[in-house]
Amino acid sequence: MKKMDKKVDNALRGALTEVCELAIDEVSGFEWLTHFSNYRDFPASLLVVCVFSTKDELVNAQNTQQDDYLRELIHDKLSAANIQIKDIRQHVKFDTEEACEKEHAGKWNERFRR
């Protein structure tokens, strides 16, 4: 990883850690998040995955616009870290522990390869 990539990665991880800490307290059913990126095509390649406990909790979050709140929070924290994303909807996806357990026997590394 290049020196500049490390700086961006540190800023990105810091911003997403802040998001995670806030979301755990504020969004019912939210469990954790992770991200993926190819730094040769950053920020276009950035993908943030927000994970909820169950499908019902994710649906409830969507019905109460908590998914929009998470996207906005992610966008705001990334912007504060000088990471500019044009359309945050293209960079944030949602998943559930329940779906991973059912479809991939809880093996997130296999699930994320899809």
N, C-alpha and C. Protein backbone atom coordinates (compact mmCIF):
# COMPACT_ATOMS: atom_id res chain seq x y z
N MET A 1 0.85 -1.17 0.00
CA MET A 1 0.00 0.00 0.00
C MET A 1 0.90 1.24 0.00
N LYS A 2 0.58 2.19 -0.87
CA LYS A 2 1.36 3.43 -0.95
C LYS A 2 1.11 4.30 0.28
N LYS A 3 2.04 5.21 0.51
CA LYS A 3 1.93 6.11 1.67
C LYS A 3 0.62 6.89 1.64
N MET A 4 0.24 7.42 0.48
CA MET A 4 -1.00 8.19 0.36
C MET A 4 -2.21 7.28 0.59
N ASP A 5 -2.15 6.05 0.12
CA ASP A 5 -3.24 5.10 0.34
C ASP A 5 -3.41 4.82 1.83
N LYS A 6 -2.31 4.73 2.56
CA LYS A 6 -2.38 4.49 4.00
C LYS A 6 -3.05 5.66 4.70
N LYS A 7 -2.75 6.87 4.28
CA LYS A 7 -3.38 8.06 4.87
C LYS A 7 -4.89 8.04 4.61
N VAL A 8 -5.27 7.73 3.40
CA VAL A 8 -6.69 7.67 3.05
C VAL A 8 -7.36 6.55 3.83
N ASP A 9 -6.70 5.40 3.91
CA ASP A 9 -7.28 4.27 4.64
C ASP A 9 -7.46 4.60 6.12
N ASN A 10 -6.50 5.27 6.72
CA ASN A 10 -6.63 5.65 8.13
C ASN A 10 -7.78 6.63 8.33
N ALA A 11 -7.91 7.61 7.44
CA ALA A 11 -9.01 8.57 7.53
C ALA A 11 -10.35 7.86 7.34
N LEU A 12 -10.39 6.95 6.38
CA LEU A 12 -11.60 6.19 6.11
C LEU A 12 -12.00 5.34 7.31
N ARG A 13 -11.06 4.61 7.87
CA ARG A 13 -11.36 3.76 9.03
C ARG A 13 -11.79 4.60 10.22
N GLY A 14 -11.17 5.74 10.43
CA GLY A 14 -11.56 6.62 11.52
C GLY A 14 -12.98 7.13 11.36
N ALA A 15 -13.32 7.56 10.16
CA ALA A 15 -14.66 8.06 9.90
C ALA A 15 -15.71 6.97 10.08
N LEU A 16 -15.42 5.77 9.58
CA LEU A 16 -16.39 4.68 9.69
C LEU A 16 -16.49 4.16 11.12
N THR A 17 -15.42 4.25 11.89
CA THR A 17 -15.50 3.88 13.30
C THR A 17 -16.46 4.81 14.03
N GLU A 18 -16.38 6.10 13.73
CA GLU A 18 -17.31 7.07 14.33
C GLU A 18 -18.75 6.73 13.94
N VAL A 19 -18.97 6.41 12.69
CA VAL A 19 -20.31 6.04 12.23
C VAL A 19 -20.81 4.84 13.02
N CYS A 20 -19.98 3.83 13.13
CA CYS A 20 -20.37 2.60 13.81
C CYS A 20 -20.74 2.87 15.26
N GLU A 21 -19.92 3.64 15.95
CA GLU A 21 -20.19 3.94 17.36
C GLU A 21 -21.52 4.68 17.54
N LEU A 22 -21.80 5.62 16.67
CA LEU A 22 -23.07 6.35 16.74
C LEU A 22 -24.25 5.45 16.36
N ALA A 23 -24.09 4.68 15.30
CA ALA A 23 -25.19 3.86 14.80
C ALA A 23 -25.59 2.76 15.79
N ILE A 24 -24.63 2.20 16.50
CA ILE A 24 -24.95 1.16 17.48
C ILE A 24 -25.91 1.71 18.53
N ASP A 25 -25.72 2.96 18.91
CA ASP A 25 -26.59 3.57 19.91
C ASP A 25 -27.90 4.10 19.35
N GLU A 26 -27.91 4.46 18.07
CA GLU A 26 -29.05 5.19 17.52
C GLU A 26 -29.94 4.41 16.56
N VAL A 27 -29.46 3.31 16.03
CA VAL A 27 -30.23 2.58 15.01
C VAL A 27 -30.52 1.17 15.52
N SER A 28 -31.78 0.92 15.77
CA SER A 28 -32.21 -0.37 16.29
C SER A 28 -31.86 -1.50 15.32
N GLY A 29 -31.20 -2.53 15.85
CA GLY A 29 -30.86 -3.70 15.04
C GLY A 29 -29.52 -3.61 14.36
N PHE A 30 -28.94 -2.41 14.28
CA PHE A 30 -27.63 -2.26 13.65
C PHE A 30 -26.59 -2.96 14.51
N GLU A 31 -25.71 -3.74 13.86
CA GLU A 31 -24.69 -4.51 14.57
C GLU A 31 -23.28 -3.99 14.30
N TRP A 32 -22.91 -3.86 13.03
CA TRP A 32 -21.56 -3.48 12.67
C TRP A 32 -21.51 -3.08 11.20
N LEU A 33 -20.35 -2.57 10.78
CA LEU A 33 -20.16 -2.26 9.37
C LEU A 33 -18.74 -2.61 8.97
N THR A 34 -18.56 -2.74 7.68
CA THR A 34 -17.23 -2.97 7.12
C THR A 34 -17.15 -2.24 5.79
N HIS A 35 -15.97 -2.20 5.23
CA HIS A 35 -15.82 -1.52 3.94
C HIS A 35 -14.81 -2.27 3.07
N PHE A 36 -14.94 -2.00 1.78
CA PHE A 36 -14.04 -2.56 0.77
C PHE A 36 -13.69 -1.46 -0.20
N SER A 37 -12.47 -1.47 -0.69
CA SER A 37 -12.08 -0.48 -1.67
C SER A 37 -10.83 -0.92 -2.41
N ASN A 38 -10.75 -0.52 -3.63
CA ASN A 38 -9.54 -0.67 -4.43
C ASN A 38 -8.95 0.74 -4.51
N TYR A 39 -7.83 0.98 -3.87
CA TYR A 39 -7.29 2.33 -3.79
C TYR A 39 -6.79 2.87 -5.12
N ARG A 40 -6.66 2.03 -6.13
CA ARG A 40 -6.33 2.52 -7.47
C ARG A 40 -7.53 3.20 -8.11
N ASP A 41 -8.72 2.94 -7.56
CA ASP A 41 -9.96 3.54 -8.09
C ASP A 41 -10.79 4.10 -6.94
N PHE A 42 -10.12 4.85 -6.09
CA PHE A 42 -10.78 5.41 -4.91
C PHE A 42 -11.16 6.86 -5.19
N PRO A 43 -12.33 7.29 -4.81
CA PRO A 43 -13.35 6.68 -3.97
C PRO A 43 -14.44 5.92 -4.74
N ALA A 44 -14.30 5.87 -6.06
CA ALA A 44 -15.35 5.22 -6.86
C ALA A 44 -15.57 3.77 -6.46
N SER A 45 -14.51 3.09 -6.01
CA SER A 45 -14.63 1.66 -5.67
C SER A 45 -15.10 1.41 -4.23
N LEU A 46 -15.26 2.45 -3.45
CA LEU A 46 -15.63 2.27 -2.04
C LEU A 46 -17.01 1.64 -1.89
N LEU A 47 -17.07 0.62 -1.05
CA LEU A 47 -18.34 0.00 -0.69
C LEU A 47 -18.36 -0.16 0.83
N VAL A 48 -19.41 0.35 1.46
CA VAL A 48 -19.62 0.21 2.89
C VAL A 48 -20.82 -0.72 3.07
N VAL A 49 -20.65 -1.75 3.89
CA VAL A 49 -21.73 -2.69 4.17
C VAL A 49 -22.14 -2.52 5.63
N CYS A 50 -23.41 -2.16 5.84
CA CYS A 50 -23.98 -2.02 7.18
C CYS A 50 -24.75 -3.29 7.50
N VAL A 51 -24.43 -3.91 8.61
CA VAL A 51 -25.01 -5.20 8.95
C VAL A 51 -25.97 -5.07 10.14
N PHE A 52 -27.16 -5.62 9.94
CA PHE A 52 -28.19 -5.67 10.97
C PHE A 52 -28.31 -7.11 11.47
N SER A 53 -28.96 -7.27 12.60
CA SER A 53 -29.13 -8.61 13.17
C SER A 53 -30.01 -9.48 12.30
N THR A 54 -31.24 -9.00 12.02
CA THR A 54 -32.21 -9.81 11.30
C THR A 54 -32.81 -9.03 10.13
N LYS A 55 -33.45 -9.76 9.24
CA LYS A 55 -34.13 -9.13 8.12
C LYS A 55 -35.25 -8.22 8.63
N ASP A 56 -35.98 -8.66 9.64
CA ASP A 56 -37.05 -7.83 10.19
C ASP A 56 -36.52 -6.51 10.73
N GLU A 57 -35.37 -6.54 11.39
CA GLU A 57 -34.79 -5.30 11.90
C GLU A 57 -34.32 -4.39 10.76
N LEU A 58 -33.78 -4.98 9.71
CA LEU A 58 -33.38 -4.19 8.54
C LEU A 58 -34.60 -3.57 7.88
N VAL A 59 -35.66 -4.35 7.70
CA VAL A 59 -36.89 -3.82 7.08
C VAL A 59 -37.46 -2.70 7.94
N ASN A 60 -37.45 -2.88 9.25
CA ASN A 60 -37.95 -1.84 10.14
C ASN A 60 -37.10 -0.56 10.00
N ALA A 61 -35.79 -0.72 9.91
CA ALA A 61 -34.90 0.43 9.73
C ALA A 61 -35.22 1.14 8.42
N GLN A 62 -35.49 0.37 7.38
CA GLN A 62 -35.83 0.97 6.09
C GLN A 62 -37.18 1.67 6.15
N ASN A 63 -38.14 1.06 6.84
CA ASN A 63 -39.47 1.66 6.96
C ASN A 63 -39.46 2.95 7.76
N THR A 64 -38.50 3.10 8.65
CA THR A 64 -38.40 4.30 9.49
C THR A 64 -37.29 5.23 9.01
N GLN A 65 -36.82 5.03 7.80
CA GLN A 65 -35.79 5.84 7.16
C GLN A 65 -34.45 5.85 7.90
N GLN A 66 -34.21 4.85 8.72
CA GLN A 66 -32.92 4.75 9.39
C GLN A 66 -31.81 4.38 8.41
N ASP A 67 -32.16 3.74 7.30
CA ASP A 67 -31.17 3.48 6.26
C ASP A 67 -30.68 4.79 5.65
N ASP A 68 -31.61 5.73 5.44
CA ASP A 68 -31.23 7.04 4.93
C ASP A 68 -30.36 7.78 5.95
N TYR A 69 -30.71 7.64 7.22
CA TYR A 69 -29.91 8.26 8.28
C TYR A 69 -28.49 7.71 8.27
N LEU A 70 -28.34 6.39 8.11
CA LEU A 70 -27.00 5.78 8.06
C LEU A 70 -26.21 6.29 6.86
N ARG A 71 -26.86 6.36 5.70
CA ARG A 71 -26.17 6.87 4.51
C ARG A 71 -25.71 8.31 4.73
N GLU A 72 -26.60 9.12 5.29
CA GLU A 72 -26.26 10.52 5.54
C GLU A 72 -25.12 10.63 6.55
N LEU A 73 -25.17 9.84 7.60
CA LEU A 73 -24.12 9.83 8.61
C LEU A 73 -22.78 9.42 7.99
N ILE A 74 -22.79 8.38 7.18
CA ILE A 74 -21.58 7.93 6.49
C ILE A 74 -21.05 9.04 5.59
N HIS A 75 -21.93 9.63 4.81
CA HIS A 75 -21.54 10.72 3.91
C HIS A 75 -20.92 11.88 4.68
N ASP A 76 -21.56 12.28 5.77
CA ASP A 76 -21.07 13.40 6.57
C ASP A 76 -19.71 13.11 7.19
N LYS A 77 -19.53 11.92 7.73
CA LYS A 77 -18.26 11.57 8.36
C LYS A 77 -17.14 11.43 7.32
N LEU A 78 -17.47 10.90 6.16
CA LEU A 78 -16.48 10.81 5.09
C LEU A 78 -16.09 12.20 4.61
N SER A 79 -17.08 13.06 4.44
CA SER A 79 -16.79 14.44 4.01
C SER A 79 -15.90 15.16 5.01
N ALA A 80 -16.16 14.94 6.30
CA ALA A 80 -15.33 15.55 7.34
C ALA A 80 -13.90 15.04 7.29
N ALA A 81 -13.71 13.85 6.74
CA ALA A 81 -12.37 13.26 6.59
C ALA A 81 -11.79 13.56 5.20
N ASN A 82 -12.41 14.50 4.48
CA ASN A 82 -11.97 14.90 3.13
C ASN A 82 -12.07 13.76 2.12
N ILE A 83 -13.06 12.90 2.30
CA ILE A 83 -13.34 11.83 1.34
C ILE A 83 -14.68 12.19 0.71
N GLN A 84 -14.64 12.58 -0.56
CA GLN A 84 -15.83 13.08 -1.23
C GLN A 84 -16.49 11.96 -2.04
N ILE A 85 -17.76 11.73 -1.75
CA ILE A 85 -18.56 10.72 -2.45
C ILE A 85 -19.73 11.46 -3.11
N LYS A 86 -19.90 11.24 -4.40
CA LYS A 86 -20.96 11.94 -5.11
C LYS A 86 -22.34 11.40 -4.78
N ASP A 87 -22.55 10.11 -4.96
CA ASP A 87 -23.87 9.50 -4.71
C ASP A 87 -23.70 8.38 -3.69
N ILE A 88 -23.93 8.70 -2.44
CA ILE A 88 -23.68 7.76 -1.35
C ILE A 88 -24.51 6.49 -1.49
N ARG A 89 -25.67 6.57 -2.15
CA ARG A 89 -26.52 5.39 -2.33
C ARG A 89 -25.81 4.28 -3.11
N GLN A 90 -24.89 4.65 -3.96
CA GLN A 90 -24.15 3.65 -4.74
C GLN A 90 -23.03 2.99 -3.93
N HIS A 91 -22.72 3.55 -2.78
CA HIS A 91 -21.58 3.08 -2.01
C HIS A 91 -21.94 2.43 -0.68
N VAL A 92 -23.22 2.39 -0.34
CA VAL A 92 -23.65 1.81 0.93
C VAL A 92 -24.67 0.71 0.65
N LYS A 93 -24.40 -0.46 1.16
CA LYS A 93 -25.30 -1.60 1.03
C LYS A 93 -25.65 -2.09 2.43
N PHE A 94 -26.71 -2.90 2.51
CA PHE A 94 -27.17 -3.42 3.80
C PHE A 94 -27.26 -4.93 3.73
N ASP A 95 -27.00 -5.57 4.85
CA ASP A 95 -27.04 -7.02 4.95
C ASP A 95 -27.45 -7.38 6.37
N THR A 96 -27.62 -8.69 6.62
CA THR A 96 -28.00 -9.12 7.96
C THR A 96 -27.19 -10.35 8.39
N GLU A 97 -27.01 -10.44 9.69
CA GLU A 97 -26.38 -11.63 10.27
C GLU A 97 -27.22 -12.86 9.93
N GLU A 98 -28.52 -12.70 10.01
CA GLU A 98 -29.46 -13.80 9.74
C GLU A 98 -29.27 -14.36 8.33
N ALA A 99 -29.16 -13.47 7.33
CA ALA A 99 -29.00 -13.91 5.95
C ALA A 99 -27.66 -14.61 5.74
N CYS A 100 -26.61 -14.08 6.35
CA CYS A 100 -25.30 -14.71 6.22
C CYS A 100 -25.32 -16.11 6.83
N GLU A 101 -25.93 -16.23 7.99
CA GLU A 101 -26.01 -17.54 8.65
C GLU A 101 -26.76 -18.54 7.77
N LYS A 102 -27.88 -18.09 7.21
CA LYS A 102 -28.73 -18.97 6.40
C LYS A 102 -28.07 -19.33 5.06
N GLU A 103 -27.46 -18.36 4.40
CA GLU A 103 -26.96 -18.56 3.05
C GLU A 103 -25.49 -18.97 2.97
N HIS A 104 -24.70 -18.63 3.99
CA HIS A 104 -23.27 -18.92 3.95
C HIS A 104 -22.74 -19.51 5.26
N ALA A 105 -23.63 -20.06 6.05
CA ALA A 105 -23.27 -20.70 7.33
C ALA A 105 -22.44 -19.77 8.22
N GLY A 106 -22.75 -18.48 8.15
CA GLY A 106 -22.07 -17.51 8.99
C GLY A 106 -20.67 -17.13 8.54
N LYS A 107 -20.27 -17.56 7.36
CA LYS A 107 -18.93 -17.29 6.85
C LYS A 107 -18.94 -16.02 6.00
N TRP A 108 -18.67 -14.90 6.68
CA TRP A 108 -18.74 -13.60 6.02
C TRP A 108 -17.73 -13.49 4.89
N ASN A 109 -16.56 -14.08 5.02
CA ASN A 109 -15.57 -13.98 3.95
C ASN A 109 -16.11 -14.59 2.66
N GLU A 110 -16.85 -15.67 2.74
CA GLU A 110 -17.48 -16.27 1.54
C GLU A 110 -18.59 -15.36 1.01
N ARG A 111 -19.38 -14.82 1.90
CA ARG A 111 -20.49 -13.95 1.51
C ARG A 111 -19.98 -12.71 0.78
N PHE A 112 -18.90 -12.14 1.27
CA PHE A 112 -18.39 -10.92 0.67
C PHE A 112 -17.69 -11.15 -0.67
N ARG A 113 -17.39 -12.38 -0.99
CA ARG A 113 -16.77 -12.68 -2.28
C ARG A 113 -17.77 -12.60 -3.43
N ARG A 114 -19.04 -12.63 -3.12
CA ARG A 114 -20.06 -12.62 -4.16
C ARG A 114 -20.13 -11.34 -4.93
